[in-house]
Amino acid sequence: MSKIAIIGAGAMGGATVEGLIKGEQFKNEDITVADPSEAVIAKFEKTGVSVTTDNRLAAEAADIVCVVVKPWLVERVLKDIKPELNPRKQILIVIAAGVSSAGIKEWLGEQCPSLFLAIPNIAIAEMASMTFIVPVGASEEQVQTVVNMFDEMGTTLITDEQHLAAGTTLASCGIAYAMRYIRAAAEGGVELGFKADDAKRIVMQTMKGAVELLEASGLHPEAAIDLVTTPGGVTIKGLNEMEHAGFTSAVIRGLKAGLK
């Protein structure tokens, strides 16, 4: 079984570690978490994974090195672990929005292992991420290894680097947009007379039902909407009010703003 190092265990890195622990691709002792925060290290040490504050030590012992830090820290971290990387044996996965493969190759030079750019979302902690993967000079076997890893923690889509930013705003940022809808609908539920916790639970289950119905039926969302909108009924009245307020336009504008 391969060994994996997660360098950077902040929000996204920590969520990735949680997903790996819940999965079956790696034993806990084959997962190494590297982070400068003693609190973060202490948290994951309790789960049985290996922990360290030394990025180089983590990178040296891993078959898969996963760098999950803020975009402006990627260059510094990669240059720090560069002497420990083995381009013939390792896979490097960089999870950071806006970092290009060209930049990574320039920083690492001949020490750059087979490279993957990946963008999951924080639902990876619950094995429910939508993850975009961009292989860069990797073999088919390596691609399958990385896809299998992320598939266990949700759903993956192999794409090209040109579309990675769009994937980021649609799914990584998009999970926040979905949560904002849940908050708005739950607040509406309170105004309609439900207790706050009940309103949230109702909205969450309704969203879950919508997703499962679309997955099971394969219907286009608009076709599924037609199933519950009767002429002159309350559903179409509610939908039209939302559209008058710019619902669809607001969603699209928000997604496009995430590309800027």
C-alpha atoms as a PDB file:
ATOM      1  CA  MET A   1       0.000   0.000   0.000  1.00  0.00           C
ATOM      2  CA  SER A   2       1.289   3.490  -0.895  1.00  0.00           C
ATOM      3  CA  LYS A   3       2.218   6.164   1.599  1.00  0.00           C
ATOM      4  CA  ILE A   4       0.800   9.669   1.280  1.00  0.00           C
ATOM      5  CA  ALA A   5       1.899  12.972   2.782  1.00  0.00           C
ATOM      6  CA  ILE A   6      -0.488  15.896   3.171  1.00  0.00           C
ATOM      7  CA  ILE A   7       1.555  19.068   3.501  1.00  0.00           C
ATOM      8  CA  GLY A   8      -0.700  21.757   4.926  1.00  0.00           C
ATOM      9  CA  ALA A   9      -3.647  20.732   7.083  1.00  0.00           C
ATOM     10  CA  GLY A  10      -5.697  23.899   7.156  1.00  0.00           C
ATOM     11  CA  ALA A  11      -9.336  23.917   6.057  1.00  0.00           C
ATOM     12  CA  MET A  12      -8.923  22.061   2.765  1.00  0.00           C
ATOM     13  CA  GLY A  13      -5.883  20.041   3.767  1.00  0.00           C
ATOM     14  CA  GLY A  14      -7.524  19.003   7.019  1.00  0.00           C
ATOM     15  CA  ALA A  15     -10.709  18.021   5.196  1.00  0.00           C
ATOM     16  CA  THR A  16      -8.642  15.916   2.796  1.00  0.00           C
ATOM     17  CA  VAL A  17      -6.954  14.139   5.686  1.00  0.00           C
ATOM     18  CA  GLU A  18     -10.340  13.417   7.257  1.00  0.00           C
ATOM     19  CA  GLY A  19     -11.528  11.894   3.999  1.00  0.00           C
ATOM     20  CA  LEU A  20      -8.411   9.763   3.661  1.00  0.00           C
ATOM     21  CA  ILE A  21      -8.855   8.481   7.212  1.00  0.00           C
ATOM     22  CA  LYS A  22     -12.452   7.460   6.486  1.00  0.00           C
ATOM     23  CA  GLY A  23     -11.474   5.755   3.240  1.00  0.00           C
ATOM     24  CA  GLU A  24      -9.798   2.436   2.600  1.00  0.00           C
ATOM     25  CA  GLN A  25      -7.099   3.460   0.127  1.00  0.00           C
ATOM     26  CA  PHE A  26      -4.581   4.129   2.926  1.00  0.00           C
ATOM     27  CA  LYS A  27      -3.993   2.818   6.412  1.00  0.00           C
ATOM     28  CA  ASN A  28      -3.799   5.568   9.017  1.00  0.00           C
ATOM     29  CA  GLU A  29      -0.143   4.834   9.679  1.00  0.00           C
ATOM     30  CA  ASP A  30       0.581   5.348   5.962  1.00  0.00           C
ATOM     31  CA  ILE A  31      -0.797   8.897   6.091  1.00  0.00           C
ATOM     32  CA  THR A  32       1.562  11.679   7.162  1.00  0.00           C
ATOM     33  CA  VAL A  33       0.274  15.135   8.050  1.00  0.00           C
ATOM     34  CA  ALA A  34       2.764  18.018   7.990  1.00  0.00           C
ATOM     35  CA  ASP A  35       1.734  21.390   9.384  1.00  0.00           C
ATOM     36  CA  PRO A  36       3.457  24.153  11.378  1.00  0.00           C
ATOM     37  CA  SER A  37       0.565  24.343  13.853  1.00  0.00           C
ATOM     38  CA  GLU A  38       1.054  22.236  16.974  1.00  0.00           C
ATOM     39  CA  ALA A  39      -2.715  22.302  17.549  1.00  0.00           C
ATOM     40  CA  VAL A  40      -3.352  20.820  14.115  1.00  0.00           C
ATOM     41  CA  ILE A  41      -0.654  18.204  14.637  1.00  0.00           C
ATOM     42  CA  ALA A  42      -2.101  17.233  18.019  1.00  0.00           C
ATOM     43  CA  LYS A  43      -5.581  16.882  16.525  1.00  0.00           C
ATOM     44  CA  PHE A  44      -4.517  14.420  13.845  1.00  0.00           C
ATOM     45  CA  GLU A  45      -2.037  12.557  16.008  1.00  0.00           C
ATOM     46  CA  LYS A  46      -5.007  11.246  17.987  1.00  0.00           C
ATOM     47  CA  THR A  47      -6.302   9.491  14.850  1.00  0.00           C
ATOM     48  CA  GLY A  48      -3.209   7.346  14.459  1.00  0.00           C
ATOM     49  CA  VAL A  49      -1.728   9.106  11.423  1.00  0.00           C
ATOM     50  CA  SER A  50       1.917  10.135  11.370  1.00  0.00           C
ATOM     51  CA  VAL A  51       2.467  13.821  12.111  1.00  0.00           C
ATOM     52  CA  THR A  52       5.335  16.255  11.768  1.00  0.00           C
ATOM     53  CA  THR A  53       6.097  19.946  11.532  1.00  0.00           C
ATOM     54  CA  ASP A  54       8.865  19.177   9.016  1.00  0.00           C
ATOM     55  CA  ASN A  55       7.613  19.326   5.415  1.00  0.00           C
ATOM     56  CA  ARG A  56      10.811  17.775   4.093  1.00  0.00           C
ATOM     57  CA  LEU A  57      10.531  14.773   6.365  1.00  0.00           C
ATOM     58  CA  ALA A  58       6.949  14.203   5.232  1.00  0.00           C
ATOM     59  CA  ALA A  59       7.809  14.505   1.528  1.00  0.00           C
ATOM     60  CA  GLU A  60      10.843  12.252   1.677  1.00  0.00           C
ATOM     61  CA  ALA A  61       8.953   9.203   2.964  1.00  0.00           C
ATOM     62  CA  ALA A  62       5.850   9.460   0.741  1.00  0.00           C
ATOM     63  CA  ASP A  63       4.874   7.876  -2.557  1.00  0.00           C
ATOM     64  CA  ILE A  64       2.243  10.581  -3.058  1.00  0.00           C
ATOM     65  CA  VAL A  65       3.029  14.123  -1.929  1.00  0.00           C
ATOM     66  CA  CYS A  66      -0.037  16.340  -1.665  1.00  0.00           C
ATOM     67  CA  VAL A  67       0.627  20.057  -1.156  1.00  0.00           C
ATOM     68  CA  VAL A  68      -2.478  21.807   0.172  1.00  0.00           C
ATOM     69  CA  VAL A  69      -1.561  25.357   1.152  1.00  0.00           C
ATOM     70  CA  LYS A  70      -2.659  28.861   0.236  1.00  0.00           C
ATOM     71  CA  PRO A  71      -1.696  29.763  -3.343  1.00  0.00           C
ATOM     72  CA  TRP A  72       0.912  32.316  -2.275  1.00  0.00           C
ATOM     73  CA  LEU A  73       2.672  29.686  -0.164  1.00  0.00           C
ATOM     74  CA  VAL A  74       2.959  27.001  -2.841  1.00  0.00           C
ATOM     75  CA  GLU A  75       6.243  28.251  -4.309  1.00  0.00           C
ATOM     76  CA  ARG A  76       7.882  28.487  -0.888  1.00  0.00           C
ATOM     77  CA  VAL A  77       6.718  25.017   0.178  1.00  0.00           C
ATOM     78  CA  LEU A  78       7.719  23.347  -3.093  1.00  0.00           C
ATOM     79  CA  LYS A  79      11.168  24.907  -3.080  1.00  0.00           C
ATOM     80  CA  ASP A  80      11.591  23.808   0.531  1.00  0.00           C
ATOM     81  CA  ILE A  81      10.770  20.145  -0.180  1.00  0.00           C
ATOM     82  CA  LYS A  82      12.467  20.101  -3.596  1.00  0.00           C
ATOM     83  CA  PRO A  83      15.623  18.266  -2.380  1.00  0.00           C
ATOM     84  CA  GLU A  84      13.489  15.435  -0.991  1.00  0.00           C
ATOM     85  CA  LEU A  85      11.374  14.847  -4.110  1.00  0.00           C
ATOM     86  CA  ASN A  86      12.014  11.825  -6.297  1.00  0.00           C
ATOM     87  CA  PRO A  87      10.806  12.445  -9.871  1.00  0.00           C
ATOM     88  CA  ARG A  88      11.157   8.757 -10.771  1.00  0.00           C
ATOM     89  CA  LYS A  89       9.045   7.319  -7.982  1.00  0.00           C
ATOM     90  CA  GLN A  90       6.687   9.940  -6.599  1.00  0.00           C
ATOM     91  CA  ILE A  91       3.416  11.576  -7.551  1.00  0.00           C
ATOM     92  CA  LEU A  92       2.965  15.259  -6.702  1.00  0.00           C
ATOM     93  CA  ILE A  93      -0.549  16.651  -6.227  1.00  0.00           C
ATOM     94  CA  VAL A  94      -0.959  20.392  -5.780  1.00  0.00           C
ATOM     95  CA  ILE A  95      -4.279  21.639  -4.423  1.00  0.00           C
ATOM     96  CA  ALA A  96      -4.256  25.421  -4.723  1.00  0.00           C
ATOM     97  CA  ALA A  97      -6.394  27.689  -6.862  1.00  0.00           C
ATOM     98  CA  GLY A  98      -4.659  29.679  -9.561  1.00  0.00           C
ATOM     99  CA  VAL A  99      -1.284  27.897  -9.407  1.00  0.00           C
ATOM    100  CA  SER A 100      -0.136  26.825 -12.858  1.00  0.00           C
ATOM    101  CA  SER A 101       1.685  23.668 -13.853  1.00  0.00           C
ATOM    102  CA  ALA A 102       4.210  25.823 -15.720  1.00  0.00           C
ATOM    103  CA  GLY A 103       5.032  27.679 -12.521  1.00  0.00           C
ATOM    104  CA  ILE A 104       5.404  24.448 -10.559  1.00  0.00           C
ATOM    105  CA  LYS A 105       7.723  22.960 -13.183  1.00  0.00           C
ATOM    106  CA  GLU A 106       9.813  26.132 -13.186  1.00  0.00           C
ATOM    107  CA  TRP A 107      10.175  26.034  -9.393  1.00  0.00           C
ATOM    108  CA  LEU A 108      11.076  22.345  -9.266  1.00  0.00           C
ATOM    109  CA  GLY A 109      12.917  21.846 -12.543  1.00  0.00           C
ATOM    110  CA  GLU A 110      14.221  18.308 -12.980  1.00  0.00           C
ATOM    111  CA  GLN A 111      13.068  17.459  -9.450  1.00  0.00           C
ATOM    112  CA  CYS A 112       9.397  17.696 -10.467  1.00  0.00           C
ATOM    113  CA  PRO A 113       7.640  14.318 -10.088  1.00  0.00           C
ATOM    114  CA  SER A 114       4.606  13.298 -12.124  1.00  0.00           C
ATOM    115  CA  LEU A 115       2.276  16.204 -11.469  1.00  0.00           C
ATOM    116  CA  PHE A 116      -1.429  16.603 -10.837  1.00  0.00           C
ATOM    117  CA  LEU A 117      -3.367  19.781 -10.186  1.00  0.00           C
ATOM    118  CA  ALA A 118      -6.500  19.043  -8.162  1.00  0.00           C
ATOM    119  CA  ILE A 119      -9.372  21.092  -6.812  1.00  0.00           C
ATOM    120  CA  PRO A 120     -11.739  19.300  -4.413  1.00  0.00           C
ATOM    121  CA  ASN A 121     -14.207  20.989  -2.083  1.00  0.00           C
ATOM    122  CA  ILE A 122     -14.523  20.713   1.690  1.00  0.00           C
ATOM    123  CA  ALA A 123     -17.173  17.984   1.410  1.00  0.00           C
ATOM    124  CA  ILE A 124     -14.179  15.698   0.835  1.00  0.00           C
ATOM    125  CA  ALA A 125     -14.180  15.308   4.628  1.00  0.00           C
ATOM    126  CA  GLU A 126     -17.537  13.523   4.293  1.00  0.00           C
ATOM    127  CA  MET A 127     -16.562  11.539   1.174  1.00  0.00           C
ATOM    128  CA  ALA A 128     -18.781  13.788  -0.953  1.00  0.00           C
ATOM    129  CA  SER A 129     -16.398  16.102  -2.821  1.00  0.00           C
ATOM    130  CA  MET A 130     -16.625  17.184  -6.424  1.00  0.00           C
ATOM    131  CA  THR A 131     -12.952  17.056  -7.411  1.00  0.00           C
ATOM    132  CA  PHE A 132     -11.373  18.317 -10.623  1.00  0.00           C
ATOM    133  CA  ILE A 133      -8.111  16.659 -11.664  1.00  0.00           C
ATOM    134  CA  VAL A 134      -5.577  17.864 -14.230  1.00  0.00           C
ATOM    135  CA  PRO A 135      -2.833  15.302 -15.009  1.00  0.00           C
ATOM    136  CA  VAL A 136       0.435  16.842 -16.210  1.00  0.00           C
ATOM    137  CA  GLY A 137       2.864  14.380 -17.765  1.00  0.00           C
ATOM    138  CA  ALA A 138       1.539  11.446 -15.749  1.00  0.00           C
ATOM    139  CA  SER A 139       1.200   7.846 -16.900  1.00  0.00           C
ATOM    140  CA  GLU A 140      -2.171   6.133 -17.282  1.00  0.00           C
ATOM    141  CA  GLU A 141      -1.422   4.061 -14.203  1.00  0.00           C
ATOM    142  CA  GLN A 142      -0.667   7.168 -12.160  1.00  0.00           C
ATOM    143  CA  VAL A 143      -3.809   8.871 -13.408  1.00  0.00           C
ATOM    144  CA  GLN A 144      -5.850   5.867 -12.315  1.00  0.00           C
ATOM    145  CA  THR A 145      -4.184   5.889  -8.900  1.00  0.00           C
ATOM    146  CA  VAL A 146      -5.093   9.521  -8.306  1.00  0.00           C
ATOM    147  CA  VAL A 147      -8.619   9.146  -9.700  1.00  0.00           C
ATOM    148  CA  ASN A 148      -9.235   6.116  -7.483  1.00  0.00           C
ATOM    149  CA  MET A 149      -8.057   8.055  -4.457  1.00  0.00           C
ATOM    150  CA  PHE A 150     -10.372  11.008  -5.032  1.00  0.00           C
ATOM    151  CA  ASP A 151     -13.262   8.859  -6.314  1.00  0.00           C
ATOM    152  CA  GLU A 152     -13.396   7.194  -2.919  1.00  0.00           C
ATOM    153  CA  MET A 153     -13.927  10.643  -1.406  1.00  0.00           C
ATOM    154  CA  GLY A 154     -16.641  11.766  -3.813  1.00  0.00           C
ATOM    155  CA  THR A 155     -16.821  12.259  -7.573  1.00  0.00           C
ATOM    156  CA  THR A 156     -14.002  13.237  -9.918  1.00  0.00           C
ATOM    157  CA  LEU A 157     -13.747  14.864 -13.312  1.00  0.00           C
ATOM    158  CA  ILE A 158     -10.537  14.846 -15.332  1.00  0.00           C
ATOM    159  CA  THR A 159     -10.262  18.156 -17.129  1.00  0.00           C
ATOM    160  CA  ASP A 160      -7.658  20.408 -18.717  1.00  0.00           C
ATOM    161  CA  GLU A 161      -5.860  23.228 -16.973  1.00  0.00           C
ATOM    162  CA  GLN A 162      -7.818  25.828 -18.923  1.00  0.00           C
ATOM    163  CA  HIS A 163     -11.063  24.775 -17.218  1.00  0.00           C
ATOM    164  CA  LEU A 164      -9.710  24.368 -13.696  1.00  0.00           C
ATOM    165  CA  ALA A 165     -10.667  27.894 -12.641  1.00  0.00           C
ATOM    166  CA  ALA A 166     -14.220  27.325 -13.889  1.00  0.00           C
ATOM    167  CA  GLY A 167     -14.366  24.076 -11.938  1.00  0.00           C
ATOM    168  CA  THR A 168     -13.156  25.925  -8.855  1.00  0.00           C
ATOM    169  CA  THR A 169     -15.944  28.495  -8.930  1.00  0.00           C
ATOM    170  CA  LEU A 170     -18.600  25.925  -9.875  1.00  0.00           C
ATOM    171  CA  ALA A 171     -17.801  23.312  -7.222  1.00  0.00           C
ATOM    172  CA  SER A 172     -15.222  24.502  -4.705  1.00  0.00           C
ATOM    173  CA  CYS A 173     -16.730  27.985  -4.331  1.00  0.00           C
ATOM    174  CA  GLY A 174     -20.058  26.517  -5.386  1.00  0.00           C
ATOM    175  CA  ILE A 175     -20.503  24.580  -2.160  1.00  0.00           C
ATOM    176  CA  ALA A 176     -20.583  27.920  -0.338  1.00  0.00           C
ATOM    177  CA  TYR A 177     -23.210  29.185  -2.781  1.00  0.00           C
ATOM    178  CA  ALA A 178     -25.335  26.111  -2.079  1.00  0.00           C
ATOM    179  CA  MET A 179     -24.976  26.710   1.654  1.00  0.00           C
ATOM    180  CA  ARG A 180     -26.056  30.320   1.193  1.00  0.00           C
ATOM    181  CA  TYR A 181     -29.258  29.075  -0.472  1.00  0.00           C
ATOM    182  CA  ILE A 182     -29.828  26.741   2.467  1.00  0.00           C
ATOM    183  CA  ARG A 183     -29.406  29.645   4.864  1.00  0.00           C
ATOM    184  CA  ALA A 184     -31.763  31.873   2.872  1.00  0.00           C
ATOM    185  CA  ALA A 185     -34.431  29.189   2.540  1.00  0.00           C
ATOM    186  CA  ALA A 186     -34.140  28.296   6.220  1.00  0.00           C
ATOM    187  CA  GLU A 187     -34.617  31.950   7.177  1.00  0.00           C
ATOM    188  CA  GLY A 188     -37.682  31.967   4.952  1.00  0.00           C
ATOM    189  CA  GLY A 189     -38.884  28.874   6.764  1.00  0.00           C
ATOM    190  CA  VAL A 190     -38.626  30.714  10.089  1.00  0.00           C
ATOM    191  CA  GLU A 191     -40.711  33.552   8.661  1.00  0.00           C
ATOM    192  CA  LEU A 192     -43.265  30.927   7.604  1.00  0.00           C
ATOM    193  CA  GLY A 193     -43.505  29.757  11.200  1.00  0.00           C
ATOM    194  CA  PHE A 194     -41.004  26.921  11.660  1.00  0.00           C
ATOM    195  CA  LYS A 195     -38.350  26.819  14.370  1.00  0.00           C
ATOM    196  CA  ALA A 196     -34.861  27.585  13.043  1.00  0.00           C
ATOM    197  CA  ASP A 197     -33.482  24.053  13.451  1.00  0.00           C
ATOM    198  CA  ASP A 198     -36.576  22.509  11.909  1.00  0.00           C
ATOM    199  CA  ALA A 199     -36.447  24.932   8.972  1.00  0.00           C
ATOM    200  CA  LYS A 200     -32.797  24.084   8.306  1.00  0.00           C
ATOM    201  CA  ARG A 201     -33.494  20.351   8.469  1.00  0.00           C
ATOM    202  CA  ILE A 202     -36.446  20.702   6.077  1.00  0.00           C
ATOM    203  CA  VAL A 203     -34.392  22.663   3.529  1.00  0.00           C
ATOM    204  CA  MET A 204     -31.402  20.321   3.731  1.00  0.00           C
ATOM    205  CA  GLN A 205     -33.546  17.240   3.205  1.00  0.00           C
ATOM    206  CA  THR A 206     -35.340  18.963   0.329  1.00  0.00           C
ATOM    207  CA  MET A 207     -32.014  19.720  -1.375  1.00  0.00           C
ATOM    208  CA  LYS A 208     -30.828  16.159  -0.793  1.00  0.00           C
ATOM    209  CA  GLY A 209     -34.052  14.869  -2.344  1.00  0.00           C
ATOM    210  CA  ALA A 210     -33.643  17.127  -5.377  1.00  0.00           C
ATOM    211  CA  VAL A 211     -30.110  15.847  -5.986  1.00  0.00           C
ATOM    212  CA  GLU A 212     -31.056  12.200  -5.582  1.00  0.00           C
ATOM    213  CA  LEU A 213     -34.070  12.577  -7.859  1.00  0.00           C
ATOM    214  CA  LEU A 214     -31.964  14.170 -10.603  1.00  0.00           C
ATOM    215  CA  GLU A 215     -29.267  11.506 -10.243  1.00  0.00           C
ATOM    216  CA  ALA A 216     -31.765   8.662 -10.350  1.00  0.00           C
ATOM    217  CA  SER A 217     -33.865   9.995 -13.223  1.00  0.00           C
ATOM    218  CA  GLY A 218     -31.223  11.665 -15.375  1.00  0.00           C
ATOM    219  CA  LEU A 219     -33.714  14.457 -16.003  1.00  0.00           C
ATOM    220  CA  HIS A 220     -32.672  18.001 -16.852  1.00  0.00           C
ATOM    221  CA  PRO A 221     -33.524  20.182 -13.817  1.00  0.00           C
ATOM    222  CA  GLU A 222     -36.136  22.087 -15.812  1.00  0.00           C
ATOM    223  CA  ALA A 223     -37.862  18.854 -16.819  1.00  0.00           C
ATOM    224  CA  ALA A 224     -37.955  17.788 -13.175  1.00  0.00           C
ATOM    225  CA  ILE A 225     -39.344  21.196 -12.212  1.00  0.00           C
ATOM    226  CA  ASP A 226     -42.166  20.682 -14.705  1.00  0.00           C
ATOM    227  CA  LEU A 227     -43.224  17.605 -12.708  1.00  0.00           C
ATOM    228  CA  VAL A 228     -44.094  19.738  -9.693  1.00  0.00           C
ATOM    229  CA  THR A 229     -45.420  22.884 -11.339  1.00  0.00           C
ATOM    230  CA  THR A 230     -49.142  22.818 -12.084  1.00  0.00           C
ATOM    231  CA  PRO A 231     -50.864  25.588 -14.055  1.00  0.00           C
ATOM    232  CA  GLY A 232     -51.755  28.409 -11.706  1.00  0.00           C
ATOM    233  CA  GLY A 233     -50.175  26.531  -8.774  1.00  0.00           C
ATOM    234  CA  VAL A 234     -48.118  27.801  -5.886  1.00  0.00           C
ATOM    235  CA  THR A 235     -44.807  26.372  -7.163  1.00  0.00           C
ATOM    236  CA  ILE A 236     -44.788  28.308 -10.416  1.00  0.00           C
ATOM    237  CA  LYS A 237     -45.811  31.464  -8.567  1.00  0.00           C
ATOM    238  CA  GLY A 238     -42.893  31.065  -6.193  1.00  0.00           C
ATOM    239  CA  LEU A 239     -40.459  30.333  -9.008  1.00  0.00           C
ATOM    240  CA  ASN A 240     -41.592  33.352 -10.990  1.00  0.00           C
ATOM    241  CA  GLU A 241     -41.187  35.636  -7.973  1.00  0.00           C
ATOM    242  CA  MET A 242     -37.622  34.374  -7.553  1.00  0.00           C
ATOM    243  CA  GLU A 243     -36.912  34.954 -11.237  1.00  0.00           C
ATOM    244  CA  HIS A 244     -38.381  38.476 -11.058  1.00  0.00           C
ATOM    245  CA  ALA A 245     -35.811  39.111  -8.324  1.00  0.00           C
ATOM    246  CA  GLY A 246     -33.046  37.833 -10.608  1.00  0.00           C
ATOM    247  CA  PHE A 247     -32.456  34.364  -9.116  1.00  0.00           C
ATOM    248  CA  THR A 248     -30.899  32.662 -12.159  1.00  0.00           C
ATOM    249  CA  SER A 249     -29.037  35.796 -13.222  1.00  0.00           C
ATOM    250  CA  ALA A 250     -27.624  36.261  -9.714  1.00  0.00           C
ATOM    251  CA  VAL A 251     -26.334  32.680  -9.608  1.00  0.00           C
ATOM    252  CA  ILE A 252     -24.651  32.968 -13.014  1.00  0.00           C
ATOM    253  CA  ARG A 253     -23.146  36.368 -12.173  1.00  0.00           C
ATOM    254  CA  GLY A 254     -21.821  34.975  -8.910  1.00  0.00           C
ATOM    255  CA  LEU A 255     -20.184  32.037 -10.684  1.00  0.00           C
ATOM    256  CA  LYS A 256     -18.602  34.316 -13.297  1.00  0.00           C
ATOM    257  CA  ALA A 257     -17.355  36.672 -10.577  1.00  0.00           C
ATOM    258  CA  GLY A 258     -15.416  33.763  -9.125  1.00  0.00           C
ATOM    259  CA  LEU A 259     -13.294  33.663 -12.288  1.00  0.00           C
ATOM    260  CA  LYS A 260     -12.031  37.233 -11.842  1.00  0.00           C
END
